[in-house]
Amino acid sequence: MTKPTIALASDHGGVDLKTILKDQLEKDGYSVLDLGTNGSASVDYPDYAKAVADALASGAAQRGVLVCGTGIGISIAANRHAHVRAALIHDAFGARMCRQHNDANVIVFGGRTVGSEVAKDCLAVFLNTEFEGGRHARRVAMLGE
């Protein structure tokens, strides 16, 4: 089975963790669409959330990863796009449940709030967990309305 392409972006508060996650994804054989930012200069997180949302909408990527300082702002910005289901994650249980019950297509981390090893573990769970469907499908469909 071919691995999905992952769109990856962050603001300045998440660039260090984004770099670590990019390296891990590439090591694991994923194609990565790095949408920036790549430095510590202050940037606006909604621009990067939109870039990932656009990559998902166009089919350039099948899943997304977003990082800002806390993960809060960029997850709010991402979820303004009807086709995005972004989940701010802090542990593996949340990573599993956001896929199984919510069919999340974007995982979000706080670069200043989650350690890199926890984030790598959560990302692996996110990418390897399938949506259960069933009773959850109706609810997920309501999210895009």
N, C-alpha and C. Protein backbone atom coordinates (compact mmCIF):
# COMPACT_ATOMS: atom_id res chain seq x y z
N MET A 1 0.84 -1.19 0.00
CA MET A 1 0.00 0.00 0.00
C MET A 1 0.88 1.25 0.00
N THR A 2 0.55 2.20 -0.84
CA THR A 2 1.28 3.45 -0.92
C THR A 2 0.94 4.34 0.27
N LYS A 3 1.96 4.92 0.86
CA LYS A 3 1.73 5.82 1.99
C LYS A 3 1.22 7.15 1.48
N PRO A 4 0.35 7.79 2.26
CA PRO A 4 -0.20 9.09 1.83
C PRO A 4 0.86 10.18 1.87
N THR A 5 0.64 11.21 1.07
CA THR A 5 1.46 12.40 1.16
C THR A 5 0.97 13.24 2.33
N ILE A 6 1.90 13.76 3.10
CA ILE A 6 1.57 14.53 4.30
C ILE A 6 1.97 15.98 4.08
N ALA A 7 1.00 16.89 4.21
CA ALA A 7 1.28 18.33 4.17
C ALA A 7 1.66 18.76 5.58
N LEU A 8 2.71 19.52 5.69
CA LEU A 8 3.27 19.89 6.98
C LEU A 8 3.55 21.39 6.99
N ALA A 9 3.09 22.07 8.05
CA ALA A 9 3.35 23.51 8.15
C ALA A 9 3.34 23.94 9.60
N SER A 10 3.98 25.07 9.84
CA SER A 10 4.01 25.63 11.19
C SER A 10 4.22 27.13 11.11
N ASP A 11 3.99 27.78 12.24
CA ASP A 11 4.43 29.16 12.36
C ASP A 11 5.79 29.13 13.06
N HIS A 12 6.29 30.30 13.42
CA HIS A 12 7.61 30.41 14.05
C HIS A 12 7.69 29.68 15.39
N GLY A 13 6.57 29.56 16.11
CA GLY A 13 6.56 28.89 17.40
C GLY A 13 6.60 27.38 17.30
N GLY A 14 6.39 26.86 16.12
CA GLY A 14 6.38 25.41 15.94
C GLY A 14 7.42 24.88 14.98
N VAL A 15 8.28 25.76 14.48
CA VAL A 15 9.21 25.35 13.42
C VAL A 15 10.18 24.26 13.88
N ASP A 16 10.63 24.29 15.11
CA ASP A 16 11.58 23.27 15.57
C ASP A 16 10.92 21.89 15.60
N LEU A 17 9.71 21.81 16.16
CA LEU A 17 9.01 20.52 16.18
C LEU A 17 8.63 20.09 14.78
N LYS A 18 8.23 21.02 13.93
CA LYS A 18 7.89 20.68 12.54
C LYS A 18 9.08 20.02 11.85
N THR A 19 10.27 20.53 12.07
CA THR A 19 11.47 19.97 11.46
C THR A 19 11.72 18.54 11.94
N ILE A 20 11.53 18.32 13.22
CA ILE A 20 11.71 16.97 13.79
C ILE A 20 10.69 16.01 13.19
N LEU A 21 9.43 16.45 13.10
CA LEU A 21 8.38 15.59 12.55
C LEU A 21 8.59 15.33 11.06
N LYS A 22 9.06 16.32 10.34
CA LYS A 22 9.37 16.13 8.91
C LYS A 22 10.43 15.05 8.74
N ASP A 23 11.49 15.14 9.53
CA ASP A 23 12.56 14.15 9.45
C ASP A 23 12.02 12.75 9.74
N GLN A 24 11.15 12.63 10.75
CA GLN A 24 10.58 11.33 11.10
C GLN A 24 9.70 10.79 9.98
N LEU A 25 8.86 11.65 9.42
CA LEU A 25 7.99 11.22 8.31
C LEU A 25 8.81 10.71 7.14
N GLU A 26 9.84 11.44 6.77
CA GLU A 26 10.68 11.02 5.65
C GLU A 26 11.40 9.71 5.97
N LYS A 27 11.88 9.57 7.20
CA LYS A 27 12.52 8.32 7.64
C LYS A 27 11.55 7.15 7.52
N ASP A 28 10.26 7.40 7.80
CA ASP A 28 9.23 6.37 7.75
C ASP A 28 8.69 6.13 6.34
N GLY A 29 9.23 6.84 5.34
CA GLY A 29 8.86 6.58 3.95
C GLY A 29 7.70 7.39 3.41
N TYR A 30 7.28 8.42 4.12
CA TYR A 30 6.19 9.27 3.63
C TYR A 30 6.75 10.35 2.71
N SER A 31 5.95 10.76 1.73
CA SER A 31 6.25 11.95 0.95
C SER A 31 5.74 13.13 1.76
N VAL A 32 6.58 14.15 1.89
CA VAL A 32 6.23 15.30 2.71
C VAL A 32 6.17 16.54 1.85
N LEU A 33 5.08 17.27 1.97
CA LEU A 33 4.91 18.55 1.32
C LEU A 33 5.11 19.60 2.40
N ASP A 34 6.33 20.16 2.48
CA ASP A 34 6.67 21.13 3.51
C ASP A 34 6.24 22.52 3.05
N LEU A 35 5.24 23.07 3.75
CA LEU A 35 4.66 24.36 3.36
C LEU A 35 5.15 25.52 4.21
N GLY A 36 6.23 25.29 4.97
CA GLY A 36 6.84 26.36 5.75
C GLY A 36 6.24 26.46 7.14
N THR A 37 6.64 27.41 7.86
CA THR A 37 7.75 28.30 7.73
C THR A 37 9.03 27.56 8.09
N ASN A 38 10.14 28.17 7.80
CA ASN A 38 11.41 27.50 8.02
C ASN A 38 12.39 28.32 8.84
N GLY A 39 11.88 29.30 9.56
CA GLY A 39 12.77 30.13 10.37
C GLY A 39 12.04 30.68 11.58
N SER A 40 12.76 31.45 12.36
CA SER A 40 12.21 31.98 13.61
C SER A 40 11.53 33.34 13.47
N ALA A 41 11.53 33.92 12.27
CA ALA A 41 10.88 35.21 12.07
C ALA A 41 9.37 35.05 12.26
N SER A 42 8.77 36.00 12.93
CA SER A 42 7.34 35.96 13.23
C SER A 42 6.51 35.93 11.94
N VAL A 43 5.58 34.95 11.89
CA VAL A 43 4.66 34.81 10.75
C VAL A 43 3.25 34.60 11.31
N ASP A 44 2.26 34.63 10.44
CA ASP A 44 0.86 34.50 10.85
C ASP A 44 0.38 33.07 10.64
N TYR A 45 0.03 32.39 11.75
CA TYR A 45 -0.37 30.98 11.68
C TYR A 45 -1.57 30.72 10.78
N PRO A 46 -2.55 31.64 10.62
CA PRO A 46 -3.66 31.32 9.72
C PRO A 46 -3.21 31.06 8.28
N ASP A 47 -2.15 31.71 7.85
CA ASP A 47 -1.63 31.49 6.50
C ASP A 47 -1.16 30.05 6.31
N TYR A 48 -0.56 29.49 7.33
CA TYR A 48 -0.03 28.13 7.25
C TYR A 48 -1.13 27.09 7.40
N ALA A 49 -2.13 27.38 8.20
CA ALA A 49 -3.29 26.50 8.28
C ALA A 49 -4.00 26.45 6.94
N LYS A 50 -4.12 27.59 6.29
CA LYS A 50 -4.76 27.65 4.96
C LYS A 50 -3.94 26.88 3.93
N ALA A 51 -2.64 26.96 4.01
CA ALA A 51 -1.80 26.24 3.05
C ALA A 51 -2.02 24.73 3.15
N VAL A 52 -2.13 24.21 4.37
CA VAL A 52 -2.40 22.78 4.54
C VAL A 52 -3.82 22.47 4.07
N ALA A 53 -4.78 23.30 4.42
CA ALA A 53 -6.16 23.09 3.97
C ALA A 53 -6.24 23.06 2.45
N ASP A 54 -5.54 23.96 1.80
CA ASP A 54 -5.53 24.00 0.33
C ASP A 54 -4.89 22.74 -0.26
N ALA A 55 -3.84 22.24 0.37
CA ALA A 55 -3.17 21.02 -0.11
C ALA A 55 -4.11 19.82 0.01
N LEU A 56 -4.89 19.78 1.07
CA LEU A 56 -5.86 18.69 1.22
C LEU A 56 -6.98 18.82 0.18
N ALA A 57 -7.46 20.04 -0.01
CA ALA A 57 -8.56 20.26 -0.96
C ALA A 57 -8.16 19.92 -2.39
N SER A 58 -6.93 20.21 -2.75
CA SER A 58 -6.47 19.96 -4.11
C SER A 58 -6.07 18.51 -4.35
N GLY A 59 -5.91 17.76 -3.28
CA GLY A 59 -5.45 16.38 -3.41
C GLY A 59 -3.94 16.24 -3.42
N ALA A 60 -3.23 17.34 -3.25
CA ALA A 60 -1.77 17.29 -3.20
C ALA A 60 -1.28 16.51 -1.98
N ALA A 61 -2.11 16.47 -0.93
CA ALA A 61 -1.80 15.71 0.28
C ALA A 61 -3.08 15.06 0.79
N GLN A 62 -2.91 13.96 1.50
CA GLN A 62 -4.07 13.24 2.03
C GLN A 62 -4.25 13.48 3.53
N ARG A 63 -3.20 13.86 4.21
CA ARG A 63 -3.26 14.18 5.64
C ARG A 63 -2.39 15.40 5.88
N GLY A 64 -2.61 16.04 7.05
CA GLY A 64 -1.84 17.22 7.38
C GLY A 64 -1.33 17.21 8.80
N VAL A 65 -0.26 17.95 9.01
CA VAL A 65 0.32 18.18 10.32
C VAL A 65 0.56 19.68 10.46
N LEU A 66 0.07 20.24 11.55
CA LEU A 66 0.26 21.66 11.83
C LEU A 66 0.86 21.84 13.21
N VAL A 67 1.71 22.86 13.35
CA VAL A 67 2.33 23.15 14.64
C VAL A 67 2.42 24.66 14.81
N CYS A 68 1.98 25.14 15.97
CA CYS A 68 2.27 26.51 16.38
C CYS A 68 2.72 26.43 17.84
N GLY A 69 2.91 27.55 18.49
CA GLY A 69 3.44 27.53 19.85
C GLY A 69 2.64 26.65 20.79
N THR A 70 1.33 26.84 20.83
CA THR A 70 0.46 26.03 21.69
C THR A 70 -0.37 25.04 20.90
N GLY A 71 -0.50 25.23 19.60
CA GLY A 71 -1.37 24.42 18.77
C GLY A 71 -2.79 24.95 18.72
N ILE A 72 -3.13 25.84 19.61
CA ILE A 72 -4.51 26.32 19.70
C ILE A 72 -4.89 27.20 18.51
N GLY A 73 -4.12 28.23 18.26
CA GLY A 73 -4.45 29.16 17.19
C GLY A 73 -4.51 28.51 15.83
N ILE A 74 -3.52 27.69 15.53
CA ILE A 74 -3.46 27.08 14.20
C ILE A 74 -4.56 26.03 14.02
N SER A 75 -4.98 25.38 15.12
CA SER A 75 -6.09 24.42 15.00
C SER A 75 -7.41 25.14 14.77
N ILE A 76 -7.60 26.27 15.43
CA ILE A 76 -8.80 27.08 15.19
C ILE A 76 -8.84 27.53 13.73
N ALA A 77 -7.70 28.03 13.24
CA ALA A 77 -7.62 28.50 11.86
C ALA A 77 -7.89 27.36 10.87
N ALA A 78 -7.33 26.20 11.12
CA ALA A 78 -7.51 25.07 10.21
C ALA A 78 -8.97 24.63 10.16
N ASN A 79 -9.63 24.60 11.30
CA ASN A 79 -11.01 24.12 11.35
C ASN A 79 -12.03 25.09 10.77
N ARG A 80 -11.59 26.23 10.31
CA ARG A 80 -12.49 27.16 9.60
C ARG A 80 -12.75 26.68 8.17
N HIS A 81 -11.98 25.71 7.72
CA HIS A 81 -12.15 25.14 6.38
C HIS A 81 -13.02 23.89 6.52
N ALA A 82 -14.14 23.85 5.82
CA ALA A 82 -15.16 22.81 6.01
C ALA A 82 -14.64 21.40 5.79
N HIS A 83 -13.65 21.22 4.96
CA HIS A 83 -13.13 19.88 4.67
C HIS A 83 -12.02 19.44 5.62
N VAL A 84 -11.66 20.31 6.54
CA VAL A 84 -10.59 20.00 7.50
C VAL A 84 -11.20 19.60 8.84
N ARG A 85 -10.67 18.53 9.38
CA ARG A 85 -11.00 18.10 10.74
C ARG A 85 -9.68 18.00 11.48
N ALA A 86 -9.29 19.12 12.09
CA ALA A 86 -7.99 19.22 12.77
C ALA A 86 -8.18 18.98 14.26
N ALA A 87 -7.31 18.14 14.82
CA ALA A 87 -7.39 17.80 16.24
C ALA A 87 -6.07 18.17 16.92
N LEU A 88 -6.18 18.97 17.96
CA LEU A 88 -5.03 19.33 18.79
C LEU A 88 -4.77 18.16 19.74
N ILE A 89 -3.60 17.57 19.64
CA ILE A 89 -3.29 16.32 20.32
C ILE A 89 -2.12 16.48 21.29
N HIS A 90 -2.27 15.81 22.45
CA HIS A 90 -1.23 15.83 23.47
C HIS A 90 -0.78 14.44 23.88
N ASP A 91 -1.51 13.40 23.44
CA ASP A 91 -1.16 12.03 23.84
C ASP A 91 -1.67 11.03 22.81
N ALA A 92 -1.18 9.80 22.91
CA ALA A 92 -1.51 8.77 21.93
C ALA A 92 -2.98 8.40 21.95
N PHE A 93 -3.62 8.43 23.12
CA PHE A 93 -5.04 8.12 23.19
C PHE A 93 -5.84 9.11 22.34
N GLY A 94 -5.55 10.39 22.48
CA GLY A 94 -6.22 11.42 21.67
C GLY A 94 -5.94 11.23 20.19
N ALA A 95 -4.71 10.84 19.85
CA ALA A 95 -4.37 10.61 18.44
C ALA A 95 -5.19 9.47 17.86
N ARG A 96 -5.36 8.42 18.63
CA ARG A 96 -6.15 7.27 18.17
C ARG A 96 -7.62 7.63 18.04
N MET A 97 -8.16 8.29 19.06
CA MET A 97 -9.59 8.60 19.07
C MET A 97 -9.97 9.63 18.00
N CYS A 98 -9.09 10.59 17.72
CA CYS A 98 -9.43 11.58 16.70
C CYS A 98 -9.55 10.94 15.32
N ARG A 99 -8.85 9.84 15.11
CA ARG A 99 -8.98 9.11 13.85
C ARG A 99 -10.18 8.17 13.90
N GLN A 100 -10.28 7.36 14.96
CA GLN A 100 -11.34 6.35 15.03
C GLN A 100 -12.73 6.97 15.05
N HIS A 101 -12.93 8.03 15.80
CA HIS A 101 -14.27 8.57 16.00
C HIS A 101 -14.55 9.85 15.22
N ASN A 102 -13.51 10.61 14.88
CA ASN A 102 -13.72 11.90 14.23
C ASN A 102 -13.17 11.99 12.82
N ASP A 103 -12.51 10.95 12.36
CA ASP A 103 -11.90 10.93 11.03
C ASP A 103 -11.06 12.19 10.80
N ALA A 104 -10.32 12.60 11.83
CA ALA A 104 -9.46 13.78 11.71
C ALA A 104 -8.49 13.57 10.55
N ASN A 105 -8.30 14.60 9.74
CA ASN A 105 -7.35 14.52 8.65
C ASN A 105 -6.13 15.41 8.86
N VAL A 106 -6.14 16.16 9.97
CA VAL A 106 -5.00 17.00 10.34
C VAL A 106 -4.74 16.81 11.83
N ILE A 107 -3.49 16.55 12.17
CA ILE A 107 -3.08 16.49 13.57
C ILE A 107 -2.32 17.77 13.88
N VAL A 108 -2.57 18.31 15.07
CA VAL A 108 -1.99 19.59 15.47
C VAL A 108 -1.24 19.41 16.78
N PHE A 109 -0.09 20.05 16.86
CA PHE A 109 0.73 20.01 18.07
C PHE A 109 1.13 21.42 18.49
N GLY A 110 1.36 21.56 19.77
CA GLY A 110 1.96 22.78 20.30
C GLY A 110 3.46 22.57 20.40
N GLY A 111 4.21 23.34 19.66
CA GLY A 111 5.67 23.21 19.66
C GLY A 111 6.29 23.54 21.00
N ARG A 112 5.59 24.31 21.82
CA ARG A 112 6.10 24.69 23.13
C ARG A 112 5.44 23.89 24.26
N THR A 113 4.53 22.97 23.90
CA THR A 113 3.77 22.27 24.94
C THR A 113 3.89 20.75 24.88
N VAL A 114 4.38 20.21 23.77
CA VAL A 114 4.48 18.76 23.61
C VAL A 114 5.92 18.42 23.25
N GLY A 115 6.47 17.45 23.95
CA GLY A 115 7.83 17.01 23.65
C GLY A 115 7.90 16.31 22.31
N SER A 116 9.08 16.31 21.73
CA SER A 116 9.24 15.75 20.39
C SER A 116 8.99 14.24 20.35
N GLU A 117 9.36 13.50 21.37
CA GLU A 117 9.14 12.06 21.36
C GLU A 117 7.66 11.73 21.48
N VAL A 118 6.95 12.47 22.31
CA VAL A 118 5.50 12.29 22.42
C VAL A 118 4.85 12.63 21.09
N ALA A 119 5.26 13.73 20.48
CA ALA A 119 4.69 14.12 19.19
C ALA A 119 4.94 13.07 18.12
N LYS A 120 6.14 12.51 18.07
CA LYS A 120 6.43 11.47 17.08
C LYS A 120 5.57 10.23 17.31
N ASP A 121 5.40 9.84 18.56
CA ASP A 121 4.53 8.70 18.88
C ASP A 121 3.09 8.98 18.46
N CYS A 122 2.60 10.16 18.79
CA CYS A 122 1.22 10.53 18.43
C CYS A 122 1.03 10.56 16.93
N LEU A 123 1.99 11.07 16.22
CA LEU A 123 1.90 11.14 14.76
C LEU A 123 1.83 9.73 14.17
N ALA A 124 2.62 8.81 14.68
CA ALA A 124 2.58 7.43 14.19
C ALA A 124 1.22 6.80 14.44
N VAL A 125 0.65 7.03 15.61
CA VAL A 125 -0.68 6.50 15.92
C VAL A 125 -1.71 7.10 14.98
N PHE A 126 -1.66 8.41 14.80
CA PHE A 126 -2.58 9.12 13.90
C PHE A 126 -2.54 8.54 12.49
N LEU A 127 -1.34 8.32 11.97
CA LEU A 127 -1.20 7.86 10.59
C LEU A 127 -1.55 6.39 10.41
N ASN A 128 -1.55 5.63 11.49
CA ASN A 128 -1.79 4.19 11.39
C ASN A 128 -3.14 3.76 11.96
N THR A 129 -4.01 4.71 12.25
CA THR A 129 -5.32 4.40 12.79
C THR A 129 -6.38 4.73 11.75
N GLU A 130 -7.29 3.81 11.55
CA GLU A 130 -8.37 3.99 10.57
C GLU A 130 -9.63 4.54 11.26
N PHE A 131 -10.44 5.22 10.48
CA PHE A 131 -11.74 5.70 10.92
C PHE A 131 -12.68 4.51 11.07
N GLU A 132 -13.39 4.43 12.18
CA GLU A 132 -14.31 3.32 12.44
C GLU A 132 -15.59 3.40 11.62
N GLY A 133 -16.00 4.60 11.22
CA GLY A 133 -17.26 4.73 10.50
C GLY A 133 -18.43 4.42 11.42
N GLY A 134 -19.42 3.67 10.90
CA GLY A 134 -20.57 3.31 11.72
C GLY A 134 -21.28 4.53 12.26
N ARG A 135 -21.59 4.49 13.54
CA ARG A 135 -22.34 5.59 14.15
C ARG A 135 -21.60 6.92 14.08
N HIS A 136 -20.29 6.85 13.91
CA HIS A 136 -19.50 8.08 13.86
C HIS A 136 -19.60 8.79 12.51
N ALA A 137 -19.92 8.05 11.46
CA ALA A 137 -19.95 8.64 10.11
C ALA A 137 -20.98 9.75 10.00
N ARG A 138 -22.14 9.56 10.61
CA ARG A 138 -23.19 10.59 10.56
C ARG A 138 -22.70 11.86 11.25
N ARG A 139 -22.06 11.72 12.36
CA ARG A 139 -21.57 12.90 13.11
C ARG A 139 -20.47 13.61 12.34
N VAL A 140 -19.57 12.84 11.76
CA VAL A 140 -18.49 13.45 10.99
C VAL A 140 -19.06 14.19 9.78
N ALA A 141 -20.06 13.64 9.14
CA ALA A 141 -20.70 14.31 8.00
C ALA A 141 -21.28 15.65 8.42
N MET A 142 -21.78 15.73 9.62
CA MET A 142 -22.37 16.98 10.12
C MET A 142 -21.30 18.07 10.29
N LEU A 143 -20.06 17.68 10.51
CA LEU A 143 -18.99 18.66 10.72
C LEU A 143 -18.73 19.49 9.48
N GLY A 144 -18.93 18.92 8.32
CA GLY A 144 -18.65 19.63 7.07
C GLY A 144 -19.82 20.43 6.54
N GLU A 145 -20.94 20.39 7.24
CA GLU A 145 -22.14 21.10 6.77
C GLU A 145 -22.06 22.59 7.05
